[in-house]
């Protein structure tokens, strides 16, 4: 019996004691003495480097998003003033000087408007502070008269001055002055940045276009230049439509404020027109707040009238005026304009709402050149008219059909009963007429008998030969084809009644 080896193949291949086992060849791509491939460390380092670059780029983008938005605003502002600068440059003026004059004009108009508005606002605030005790007395008298209380202005003033909430409000306002100052300085720096980039984009527009086209093939250069021209036209049209709506809004509010006798009506009208049109999202509320405040200083009811007028006019502008003007100047559908404003607000906030319409109009006009259009068939369904017989009957037609069927069934039942009555009368009439007809038939038989006797007599007279008999084949044929005389005497006349001597 052979001995079994229970140690397995490893024991059989084990080297003898005291000898060094042979080393196996390394796996392909693996380092000696390890099972890790050589490419794995480099892949891990590359993946970590990509993650680090992505994180760094994301952090840089979030840090520079404010600057990118300012550059975007400056670009659209440069597109808006491009027609004026190009017109002045075409007359021989240097492009930089033309851009400077345009910006100087805008700056003068803006500074004058802000100065007038600031002086008016400061004067009204001072007047409100001076007249505040009189307003407070009128309110206290109204409360005492209607609610039967005994309030005094001195008690209310002392309560307000010694209240804790007023002290906390003053402290918070003092600490918030620094924040307000920081925001004002930040806003001024942002305006300076936008103005500087706009100046460079407008003054060096040809150089910028040349630099951009130099890295593109000729076919792409034509497309870029055409897109640039479309953007200039659409942005100019948008600014024109906004300016026109500002003019209409200013005139409408000026008429209202002048009719109510509110001071500074022209300046307030200009404020409402510009702020409501060129400050998106919150411009309407800012524009209407100042006239209401000034109207409140004259009469509180005037402030209510101003509020009602602002709300009504805003609805008229949103649903009637703005869609039509935008559709004509920017050449986009009102629904597309409204949707683009919502999308721009969701993406970039107030800035997106401001530049969304010219951006969408430019994109639509640029892509429209690459969309092939066909002639529409002259089909009434294009205009919304349905072709008769193209669909099933409507609800009204089916109801009318059911009603006609019921009326027809009722009329059929009445007709059947009438037919039954008429058939009975007809049967009785038919029986009487049959009796009369039988009598008539008997008399006709007597007359036919008499006629037969007369015919027999005439036949006897005709049978006498009156001349030579024709001979030849024709005579035979005539005799053979002549019809045989009818036996009229076969019908015997009825016997006469011997009683009274008259025929029955």
Protein backbone atom coordinates (compact mmCIF):
# COMPACT_ATOMS: atom_id res chain seq x y z
CA UNK A 1 0.00 0.00 0.00
CA UNK A 2 1.49 3.35 -1.10
CA UNK A 3 1.89 6.09 1.48
CA UNK A 4 -0.26 9.18 1.04
CA UNK A 5 1.23 12.66 1.17
CA UNK A 6 -0.99 14.90 3.31
CA UNK A 7 1.24 18.01 3.19
CA UNK A 8 -0.03 19.15 -0.22
CA UNK A 9 1.81 20.55 -3.20
CA UNK A 10 3.54 23.26 -1.16
CA UNK A 11 5.27 20.66 0.94
CA UNK A 12 6.28 18.74 -2.13
CA UNK A 13 7.82 21.86 -3.70
CA UNK A 14 9.55 23.04 -0.52
CA UNK A 15 13.32 23.32 -0.87
CA UNK A 16 15.62 21.30 1.28
CA UNK A 17 16.58 22.61 4.70
CA UNK A 18 19.39 25.17 4.62
CA UNK A 19 18.94 26.25 1.03
CA UNK A 20 17.56 29.68 -0.19
CA UNK A 21 14.25 29.52 -2.05
CA UNK A 22 14.27 30.93 -5.58
CA UNK A 23 12.73 34.43 -6.04
CA UNK A 24 9.69 34.80 -8.26
CA UNK A 25 9.76 37.32 -11.13
CA UNK A 26 7.97 40.63 -10.29
CA UNK A 27 4.52 41.29 -11.58
CA UNK A 28 4.34 43.52 -14.67
CA UNK A 29 4.33 47.19 -13.63
CA UNK A 30 4.84 46.46 -9.94
CA UNK A 31 7.80 47.49 -7.86
CA UNK A 32 10.09 44.72 -6.57
CA UNK A 33 9.03 43.45 -3.18
CA UNK A 34 5.52 45.06 -3.35
CA UNK A 35 2.21 44.20 -5.03
CA UNK A 36 1.36 47.87 -6.02
CA UNK A 37 1.51 48.84 -9.74
CA UNK A 38 3.97 51.55 -10.65
CA UNK A 39 1.29 53.80 -12.28
CA UNK A 40 -0.94 53.89 -9.20
CA UNK A 41 1.07 56.48 -7.14
CA UNK A 42 1.28 58.82 -10.10
CA UNK A 43 -2.47 58.45 -10.76
CA UNK A 44 -3.24 59.27 -7.16
CA UNK A 45 -0.99 62.34 -7.24
CA UNK A 46 -2.61 63.47 -10.49
CA UNK A 47 -6.13 63.02 -9.05
CA UNK A 48 -5.22 64.99 -5.92
CA UNK A 49 -3.71 67.73 -8.09
CA UNK A 50 -6.90 67.95 -10.18
CA UNK A 51 -9.04 68.18 -7.05
CA UNK A 52 -6.79 70.91 -5.66
CA UNK A 53 -6.94 72.87 -8.92
CA UNK A 54 -10.72 72.57 -9.00
CA UNK A 55 -11.06 73.78 -5.42
CA UNK A 56 -8.68 76.67 -6.09
CA UNK A 57 -10.59 77.65 -9.25
CA UNK A 58 -13.92 77.48 -7.42
CA UNK A 59 -12.58 79.64 -4.60
CA UNK A 60 -11.13 82.16 -7.07
CA UNK A 61 -14.39 82.29 -9.02
CA UNK A 62 -16.41 83.00 -5.88
CA UNK A 63 -13.93 85.71 -4.91
CA UNK A 64 -13.99 87.32 -8.35
CA UNK A 65 -17.69 86.97 -9.11
CA UNK A 66 -18.28 90.59 -8.10
CA UNK A 67 -15.62 91.79 -10.52
CA UNK A 68 -17.02 89.59 -13.31
CA UNK A 69 -20.49 91.02 -12.79
CA UNK A 70 -19.09 94.55 -12.92
CA UNK A 71 -17.31 93.74 -16.18
CA UNK A 72 -20.53 92.33 -17.61
CA UNK A 73 -22.44 95.49 -16.68
CA UNK A 74 -19.65 97.63 -18.15
CA UNK A 75 -19.75 95.66 -21.39
CA UNK A 76 -23.50 96.21 -21.86
CA UNK A 77 -23.12 99.88 -20.90
CA UNK A 78 -20.40 100.24 -23.55
CA UNK A 79 -22.73 98.60 -26.08
CA UNK A 80 -25.45 101.09 -25.14
CA UNK A 81 -23.26 104.15 -25.82
CA UNK A 82 -21.55 102.60 -28.84
CA UNK A 83 -23.90 104.22 -31.43
CA UNK A 84 -23.29 107.74 -30.06
CA UNK A 85 -19.52 107.23 -29.87
CA UNK A 86 -19.35 105.75 -33.36
CA UNK A 87 -21.39 108.61 -34.83
CA UNK A 88 -19.10 111.22 -33.26
CA UNK A 89 -15.99 109.29 -34.35
CA UNK A 90 -17.27 109.05 -37.94
CA UNK A 91 -17.28 112.87 -38.10
CA UNK A 92 -13.55 113.08 -37.49
CA UNK A 93 -13.40 113.16 -33.69
CA UNK A 94 -11.01 110.87 -31.89
CA UNK A 95 -12.78 107.89 -30.38
CA UNK A 96 -11.33 108.44 -26.91
CA UNK A 97 -12.47 112.08 -26.88
CA UNK A 98 -15.93 111.11 -28.12
CA UNK A 99 -16.26 108.54 -25.35
CA UNK A 100 -15.12 111.08 -22.77
CA UNK A 101 -17.71 113.62 -23.94
CA UNK A 102 -20.50 111.04 -23.76
CA UNK A 103 -19.51 110.03 -20.24
CA UNK A 104 -19.15 113.67 -19.22
CA UNK A 105 -22.68 114.40 -20.40
CA UNK A 106 -24.06 111.42 -18.49
CA UNK A 107 -22.15 112.47 -15.39
CA UNK A 108 -23.44 116.04 -15.52
CA UNK A 109 -27.04 114.92 -15.93
CA UNK A 110 -26.74 112.37 -13.12
CA UNK A 111 -25.03 114.84 -10.76
CA UNK A 112 -27.60 117.54 -11.41
CA UNK A 113 -30.46 115.14 -10.81
CA UNK A 114 -28.95 113.81 -7.59
CA UNK A 115 -28.25 117.37 -6.36
CA UNK A 116 -31.82 118.54 -6.98
CA UNK A 117 -33.24 115.39 -5.48
CA UNK A 118 -30.98 115.60 -2.44
CA UNK A 119 -31.83 119.24 -1.74
CA UNK A 120 -35.54 118.54 -2.11
CA UNK A 121 -35.35 115.49 0.12
CA UNK A 122 -33.35 117.34 2.77
CA UNK A 123 -35.81 120.24 2.77
CA UNK A 124 -38.80 117.89 3.12
CA UNK A 125 -37.15 115.98 5.96
CA UNK A 126 -36.45 119.22 7.82
CA UNK A 127 -40.04 120.32 7.29
CA UNK A 128 -41.36 117.00 8.55
CA UNK A 129 -39.24 117.26 11.70
CA UNK A 130 -40.44 120.80 12.34
CA UNK A 131 -44.09 119.89 11.78
CA UNK A 132 -43.93 116.62 13.69
CA UNK A 133 -45.35 118.09 16.95
CA UNK A 134 -48.39 119.39 15.06
CA UNK A 135 -48.93 115.97 13.46
CA UNK A 136 -48.61 114.33 16.84
CA UNK A 137 -51.16 116.74 18.37
CA UNK A 138 -53.64 116.03 15.60
CA UNK A 139 -53.25 112.27 16.09
CA UNK A 140 -53.67 112.60 19.88
CA UNK A 141 -56.79 114.74 19.49
CA UNK A 142 -58.29 112.20 17.07
CA UNK A 143 -57.62 109.34 19.51
CA UNK A 144 -59.08 111.26 22.45
CA UNK A 145 -62.19 112.20 20.48
CA UNK A 146 -62.94 108.69 19.18
CA UNK A 147 -61.80 106.48 22.07
CA UNK A 148 -62.60 108.87 24.95
CA UNK A 149 -59.08 108.88 26.35
CA UNK A 150 -57.00 111.62 27.98
CA UNK A 151 -53.62 111.50 26.27
CA UNK A 152 -51.16 114.38 26.29
CA UNK A 153 -48.18 115.02 24.07
CA UNK A 154 -45.86 115.70 26.98
CA UNK A 155 -46.58 112.32 28.53
CA UNK A 156 -45.97 110.54 25.23
CA UNK A 157 -42.70 112.38 24.62
CA UNK A 158 -41.41 111.57 28.11
CA UNK A 159 -42.39 107.93 27.69
CA UNK A 160 -40.56 107.73 24.38
CA UNK A 161 -37.43 109.45 25.68
CA UNK A 162 -37.15 107.19 28.71
CA UNK A 163 -38.04 103.95 26.94
CA UNK A 164 -35.52 101.11 26.66
CA UNK A 165 -36.24 100.29 23.03
CA UNK A 166 -35.33 103.86 21.98
CA UNK A 167 -32.01 103.60 23.80
CA UNK A 168 -31.23 100.26 22.17
CA UNK A 169 -32.24 101.61 18.77
CA UNK A 170 -29.87 104.56 19.13
CA UNK A 171 -27.03 102.27 20.15
CA UNK A 172 -27.62 99.92 17.24
CA UNK A 173 -27.84 102.85 14.86
CA UNK A 174 -24.54 104.20 16.14
CA UNK A 175 -22.84 100.87 15.55
CA UNK A 176 -24.50 100.55 12.14
CA UNK A 177 -23.14 103.88 10.92
CA UNK A 178 -19.82 102.23 10.17
CA UNK A 179 -21.53 99.51 8.16
CA UNK A 180 -23.49 102.08 6.17
CA UNK A 181 -20.32 104.05 5.47
CA UNK A 182 -18.59 100.90 4.28
CA UNK A 183 -21.47 100.06 1.97
CA UNK A 184 -21.50 103.58 0.54
CA UNK A 185 -17.77 103.47 -0.16
CA UNK A 186 -18.12 100.01 -1.70
CA UNK A 187 -20.91 101.26 -3.94
CA UNK A 188 -18.83 104.22 -5.09
CA UNK A 189 -15.89 101.96 -5.85
CA UNK A 190 -18.18 99.63 -7.80
CA UNK A 191 -19.52 102.54 -9.86
CA UNK A 192 -15.96 103.68 -10.56
CA UNK A 193 -15.00 100.18 -11.69
CA UNK A 194 -18.01 99.92 -14.01
CA UNK A 195 -17.34 103.36 -15.47
CA UNK A 196 -13.66 102.63 -16.07
CA UNK A 197 -14.31 99.33 -17.87
CA UNK A 198 -17.13 100.90 -19.87
CA UNK A 199 -14.84 103.69 -21.00
CA UNK A 200 -12.17 101.24 -22.15
CA UNK A 201 -14.69 99.00 -23.93
CA UNK A 202 -16.23 101.96 -25.78
CA UNK A 203 -13.00 103.83 -26.57
CA UNK A 204 -11.02 100.76 -27.63
CA UNK A 205 -13.92 98.93 -29.24
CA UNK A 206 -12.23 98.52 -32.66
CA UNK A 207 -8.99 97.36 -31.06
CA UNK A 208 -10.87 94.87 -28.89
CA UNK A 209 -12.73 93.47 -31.88
CA UNK A 210 -9.49 93.23 -33.85
CA UNK A 211 -7.77 91.37 -31.01
CA UNK A 212 -10.68 88.98 -30.68
CA UNK A 213 -10.88 88.27 -34.41
CA UNK A 214 -7.13 87.73 -34.71
CA UNK A 215 -7.36 84.36 -32.97
CA UNK A 216 -10.28 83.14 -35.08
CA UNK A 217 -10.51 81.83 -38.66
CA UNK A 218 -12.12 84.13 -41.25
CA UNK A 219 -15.49 82.35 -41.14
CA UNK A 220 -15.68 82.74 -37.37
CA UNK A 221 -14.58 86.36 -37.60
CA UNK A 222 -17.64 87.22 -39.70
CA UNK A 223 -19.93 85.54 -37.18
CA UNK A 224 -18.34 87.35 -34.22
CA UNK A 225 -18.61 90.74 -35.89
CA UNK A 226 -22.23 90.12 -36.82
CA UNK A 227 -23.03 89.07 -33.26
CA UNK A 228 -21.33 92.23 -31.97
CA UNK A 229 -23.42 94.41 -34.27
CA UNK A 230 -26.62 92.65 -33.24
CA UNK A 231 -25.74 93.16 -29.58
CA UNK A 232 -25.20 96.88 -30.16
CA UNK A 233 -28.57 97.24 -31.92
CA UNK A 234 -30.54 95.27 -29.32
CA UNK A 235 -28.92 96.98 -26.34
CA UNK A 236 -29.54 100.39 -27.89
CA UNK A 237 -33.16 99.43 -28.53
CA UNK A 238 -33.57 98.30 -24.95
CA UNK A 239 -32.17 101.58 -23.59
CA UNK A 240 -34.46 103.47 -25.96
CA UNK A 241 -37.54 101.56 -24.79
CA UNK A 242 -36.62 102.10 -21.14
CA UNK A 243 -36.11 105.81 -21.73
CA UNK A 244 -39.47 106.07 -23.48
CA UNK A 245 -41.24 104.28 -20.63
CA UNK A 246 -39.47 106.55 -18.13
CA UNK A 247 -40.77 109.57 -20.04
CA UNK A 248 -44.36 108.26 -20.05
CA UNK A 249 -44.18 107.38 -16.35
CA UNK A 250 -42.73 110.77 -15.43
CA UNK A 251 -45.41 112.67 -17.33
CA UNK A 252 -48.23 110.61 -15.79
CA UNK A 253 -46.95 111.05 -12.23
CA UNK A 254 -46.26 114.75 -12.82
CA UNK A 255 -49.92 115.28 -13.79
CA UNK A 256 -51.07 113.55 -10.61
CA UNK A 257 -48.68 115.38 -8.29
CA UNK A 258 -49.44 118.73 -9.87
CA UNK A 259 -53.19 118.12 -9.57
CA UNK A 260 -52.82 117.32 -5.87
CA UNK A 261 -50.68 120.38 -5.28
CA UNK A 262 -47.65 118.46 -4.01
CA UNK A 263 -44.41 120.52 -4.02
CA UNK A 264 -41.41 119.58 -6.18
CA UNK A 265 -43.67 117.80 -8.67
CA UNK A 266 -41.21 117.96 -11.64
CA UNK A 267 -38.31 116.51 -9.65
CA UNK A 268 -40.50 113.80 -8.15
CA UNK A 269 -41.80 112.89 -11.61
CA UNK A 270 -38.27 112.52 -12.96
CA UNK A 271 -37.37 110.44 -9.91
CA UNK A 272 -40.29 108.08 -10.45
CA UNK A 273 -39.56 107.71 -14.16
CA UNK A 274 -35.84 106.97 -13.90
CA UNK A 275 -35.80 104.86 -10.75
CA UNK A 276 -38.78 102.71 -11.73
CA UNK A 277 -37.28 101.89 -15.15
CA UNK A 278 -33.54 101.59 -14.61
CA UNK A 279 -33.45 99.97 -11.16
CA UNK A 280 -34.94 96.49 -11.56
CA UNK A 281 -36.95 94.52 -9.02
CA UNK A 282 -37.08 97.16 -6.27
CA UNK A 283 -37.11 100.26 -8.47
CA UNK A 284 -40.90 100.51 -8.45
CA UNK A 285 -41.09 100.53 -4.65
CA UNK A 286 -38.26 103.04 -4.30
CA UNK A 287 -39.83 105.27 -6.94
CA UNK A 288 -43.24 105.30 -5.27
CA UNK A 289 -42.02 105.70 -1.68
CA UNK A 290 -40.61 109.21 -2.07
CA UNK A 291 -43.74 110.83 -3.62
CA UNK A 292 -45.86 109.18 -0.94
CA UNK A 293 -43.60 110.60 1.76
CA UNK A 294 -43.76 114.10 0.31
CA UNK A 295 -47.54 113.82 -0.17
CA UNK A 296 -47.94 112.75 3.45
CA UNK A 297 -46.40 116.03 4.56
CA UNK A 298 -49.17 117.88 2.72
CA UNK A 299 -52.12 115.64 3.54
CA UNK A 300 -52.22 111.96 4.61
CA UNK A 301 -55.07 111.31 2.18
CA UNK A 302 -52.87 112.54 -0.66
CA UNK A 303 -50.37 109.84 0.20
CA UNK A 304 -53.13 107.23 -0.16
CA UNK A 305 -54.09 108.62 -3.56
CA UNK A 306 -50.47 108.51 -4.69
CA UNK A 307 -50.19 104.88 -3.54
CA UNK A 308 -53.31 103.86 -5.45
CA UNK A 309 -52.11 105.64 -8.59
CA UNK A 310 -48.65 104.05 -8.40
CA UNK A 311 -50.14 100.55 -8.06
CA UNK A 312 -52.63 101.03 -10.90
CA UNK A 313 -50.06 102.58 -13.23
CA UNK A 314 -47.58 99.80 -12.48
CA UNK A 315 -50.11 97.18 -13.56
CA UNK A 316 -50.86 99.16 -16.72
CA UNK A 317 -47.15 99.42 -17.49
CA UNK A 318 -46.41 95.75 -16.83
CA UNK A 319 -49.28 94.32 -18.85
CA UNK A 320 -49.96 96.94 -21.53
CA UNK A 321 -47.13 99.40 -22.14
CA UNK A 322 -43.94 97.46 -21.52
CA UNK A 323 -44.77 94.35 -23.61
CA UNK A 324 -45.66 96.43 -26.68
CA UNK A 325 -42.65 98.75 -26.49
CA UNK A 326 -40.26 95.89 -25.78
CA UNK A 327 -41.67 93.85 -28.65
CA UNK A 328 -41.17 96.74 -31.10
CA UNK A 329 -37.75 98.05 -29.99
CA UNK A 330 -36.04 94.82 -28.91
CA UNK A 331 -38.12 92.57 -31.20
CA UNK A 332 -38.86 89.80 -28.72
CA UNK A 333 -42.18 88.41 -27.56
CA UNK A 334 -43.58 89.86 -24.32
CA UNK A 335 -43.71 86.42 -22.74
CA UNK A 336 -40.05 85.85 -23.63
CA UNK A 337 -39.12 89.24 -22.14
CA UNK A 338 -41.00 88.45 -18.93
CA UNK A 339 -39.42 85.01 -18.64
CA UNK A 340 -35.94 86.38 -19.33
CA UNK A 341 -36.32 88.92 -16.52
CA UNK A 342 -37.33 86.16 -14.10
CA UNK A 343 -34.44 83.95 -15.19
CA UNK A 344 -31.95 86.83 -14.99
CA UNK A 345 -33.14 87.71 -11.49
CA UNK A 346 -32.74 84.10 -10.37
CA UNK A 347 -29.20 83.90 -11.78
CA UNK A 348 -27.64 87.31 -11.08
CA UNK A 349 -30.22 89.18 -9.03
CA UNK A 350 -30.91 92.81 -9.92
CA UNK A 351 -28.07 92.89 -12.45
CA UNK A 352 -29.48 89.87 -14.25
CA UNK A 353 -32.91 91.51 -14.41
CA UNK A 354 -31.33 94.62 -15.93
CA UNK A 355 -29.31 92.93 -18.67
CA UNK A 356 -31.49 89.88 -19.31
CA UNK A 357 -33.68 91.43 -22.02
CA UNK A 358 -30.86 92.76 -24.26
CA UNK A 359 -28.90 89.53 -23.75
CA UNK A 360 -31.86 87.34 -24.76
CA UNK A 361 -32.68 89.63 -27.69
CA UNK A 362 -29.09 89.39 -28.94
CA UNK A 363 -29.05 85.61 -28.57
CA UNK A 364 -32.40 85.27 -30.35
CA UNK A 365 -31.33 87.46 -33.26
CA UNK A 366 -27.99 85.68 -33.59
CA UNK A 367 -29.46 82.19 -33.55
CA UNK A 368 -32.27 83.23 -35.90
CA UNK A 369 -29.77 83.45 -38.76
CA UNK A 370 -29.01 79.73 -38.42
CA UNK A 371 -32.60 78.51 -38.22
CA UNK A 372 -34.07 77.61 -41.59
CA UNK A 373 -37.64 78.84 -41.99
CA UNK A 374 -40.29 77.60 -44.43
CA UNK A 375 -43.44 79.10 -45.90
CA UNK A 376 -46.51 78.28 -43.85
CA UNK A 377 -49.36 76.55 -45.68
CA UNK A 378 -52.57 78.49 -46.15
CA UNK A 379 -54.52 76.37 -43.68
CA UNK A 380 -57.31 77.87 -41.54
CA UNK A 381 -56.09 75.78 -38.60
CA UNK A 382 -53.00 77.98 -38.43
CA UNK A 383 -55.25 80.87 -37.39
CA UNK A 384 -57.08 78.70 -34.90
CA UNK A 385 -60.14 77.96 -37.07
CA UNK A 386 -61.39 74.37 -37.05
CA UNK A 387 -62.38 72.62 -40.26
CA UNK A 388 -65.90 71.21 -40.22
CA UNK A 389 -65.90 67.46 -40.14
CA UNK A 390 -62.30 67.23 -38.94
CA UNK A 391 -63.36 66.29 -35.45
CA UNK A 392 -66.34 64.73 -33.73
CA UNK A 393 -69.52 66.69 -32.97
CA UNK A 394 -69.37 69.04 -30.08
CA UNK A 395 -71.28 68.79 -26.84
CA UNK A 396 -73.99 71.17 -28.03
CA UNK A 397 -74.45 69.27 -31.30
CA UNK A 398 -74.76 65.95 -29.46
CA UNK A 399 -77.30 67.39 -27.02
CA UNK A 400 -79.31 68.83 -29.91
CA UNK A 401 -79.20 65.47 -31.67
CA UNK A 402 -80.51 63.64 -28.56
CA UNK A 403 -83.27 66.24 -28.16
CA UNK A 404 -84.30 65.89 -31.81
CA UNK A 405 -84.36 62.10 -31.42
CA UNK A 406 -86.70 62.32 -28.44
CA UNK A 407 -88.98 64.77 -30.26
CA UNK A 408 -89.00 62.46 -33.28
CA UNK A 409 -89.95 59.47 -31.11
CA UNK A 410 -92.84 61.36 -29.52
CA UNK A 411 -94.05 62.57 -32.92
CA UNK A 412 -93.80 59.00 -34.30
CA UNK A 413 -96.03 57.65 -31.49
CA UNK A 414 -98.66 60.31 -32.16
CA UNK A 415 -98.49 59.59 -35.89
CA UNK A 416 -99.02 55.84 -35.34
CA UNK A 417 -102.16 56.42 -33.29
CA UNK A 418 -103.49 58.82 -35.92
CA UNK A 419 -102.71 56.30 -38.66
CA UNK A 420 -104.65 53.62 -36.76
CA UNK A 421 -107.75 55.85 -36.58
CA UNK A 422 -107.39 56.85 -40.22
CA UNK A 423 -107.01 53.22 -41.31
CA UNK A 424 -110.35 52.29 -39.62
CA UNK A 425 -112.14 55.10 -41.37
CA UNK A 426 -110.45 54.20 -44.61
CA UNK A 427 -111.62 50.56 -44.35
CA UNK A 428 -115.24 51.56 -43.86
CA UNK A 429 -115.00 54.01 -46.76
CA UNK A 430 -113.42 51.32 -48.91
CA UNK A 431 -116.29 48.89 -48.20
CA UNK A 432 -118.89 51.46 -49.27
CA UNK A 433 -116.96 52.36 -52.36
CA UNK A 434 -116.67 48.67 -53.28
CA UNK A 435 -120.45 48.31 -53.15
CA UNK A 436 -120.87 51.37 -55.33
CA UNK A 437 -118.21 50.12 -57.70
CA UNK A 438 -119.99 46.75 -58.08
CA UNK A 439 -123.20 48.53 -59.08
CA UNK A 440 -121.24 50.59 -61.54
CA UNK A 441 -119.64 47.47 -62.90
CA UNK A 442 -123.05 45.85 -63.48
CA UNK A 443 -124.26 48.87 -65.40
CA UNK A 444 -121.06 48.84 -67.38
CA UNK A 445 -121.74 45.22 -68.28
CA UNK A 446 -125.15 46.14 -69.66
CA UNK A 447 -123.58 48.95 -71.67
CA UNK A 448 -120.87 46.64 -72.98
CA UNK A 449 -123.53 44.13 -74.04
CA UNK A 450 -125.28 46.76 -76.04
CA UNK A 451 -122.03 47.82 -77.56
CA UNK A 452 -121.29 44.22 -78.49
CA UNK A 453 -124.58 43.88 -80.32
CA UNK A 454 -123.85 47.02 -82.27
CA UNK A 455 -120.40 45.75 -83.11
CA UNK A 456 -121.89 42.45 -84.36
CA UNK A 457 -124.24 44.29 -86.61
CA UNK A 458 -121.40 46.35 -87.99
CA UNK A 459 -119.39 43.18 -88.54
CA UNK A 460 -122.20 41.69 -90.58
CA UNK A 461 -122.33 44.76 -92.68
CA UNK A 462 -118.58 44.72 -93.21
CA UNK A 463 -118.58 41.03 -94.31
CA UNK A 464 -120.47 41.80 -97.53
CA UNK A 465 -118.12 41.99 -100.55
CA UNK A 466 -117.88 45.52 -101.87
CA UNK A 467 -115.32 44.97 -104.61
CA UNK A 468 -112.84 42.60 -106.18
CA UNK A 469 -110.81 40.58 -103.82
CA UNK A 470 -107.11 41.41 -103.89
CA UNK A 471 -104.83 38.76 -105.22
CA UNK A 472 -101.15 38.11 -104.89
CA UNK A 473 -98.81 37.59 -102.04
CA UNK A 474 -99.62 40.87 -100.48
CA UNK A 475 -103.24 39.92 -100.03
CA UNK A 476 -102.27 36.69 -98.34
CA UNK A 477 -99.97 38.51 -96.01
CA UNK A 478 -102.58 41.09 -95.20
CA UNK A 479 -105.11 38.44 -94.38
CA UNK A 480 -102.69 36.46 -92.31
CA UNK A 481 -101.44 39.49 -90.36
CA UNK A 482 -104.81 41.11 -89.81
CA UNK A 483 -105.98 40.73 -86.22
CA UNK A 484 -108.92 38.49 -85.60
CA UNK A 485 -112.13 40.27 -84.52
CA UNK A 486 -112.94 39.93 -80.89
CA UNK A 487 -116.06 37.98 -80.09
CA UNK A 488 -118.04 40.81 -78.52
CA UNK A 489 -121.26 38.84 -78.53
CA UNK A 490 -120.02 36.19 -76.12
CA UNK A 491 -121.24 38.21 -73.19
CA UNK A 492 -124.95 37.74 -72.94
CA UNK A 493 -126.94 40.72 -71.78
CA UNK A 494 -128.65 40.31 -68.47
CA UNK A 495 -132.36 39.44 -68.77
CA UNK A 496 -134.73 42.31 -68.46
CA UNK A 497 -136.99 42.55 -65.51
CA UNK A 498 -140.43 41.63 -66.83
CA UNK A 499 -142.16 43.05 -63.85
CA UNK A 500 -141.69 46.75 -64.44
CA UNK A 501 -140.10 46.68 -67.92
CA UNK A 502 -136.83 48.42 -66.88
CA UNK A 503 -133.32 47.03 -66.88
CA UNK A 504 -131.74 46.29 -63.57
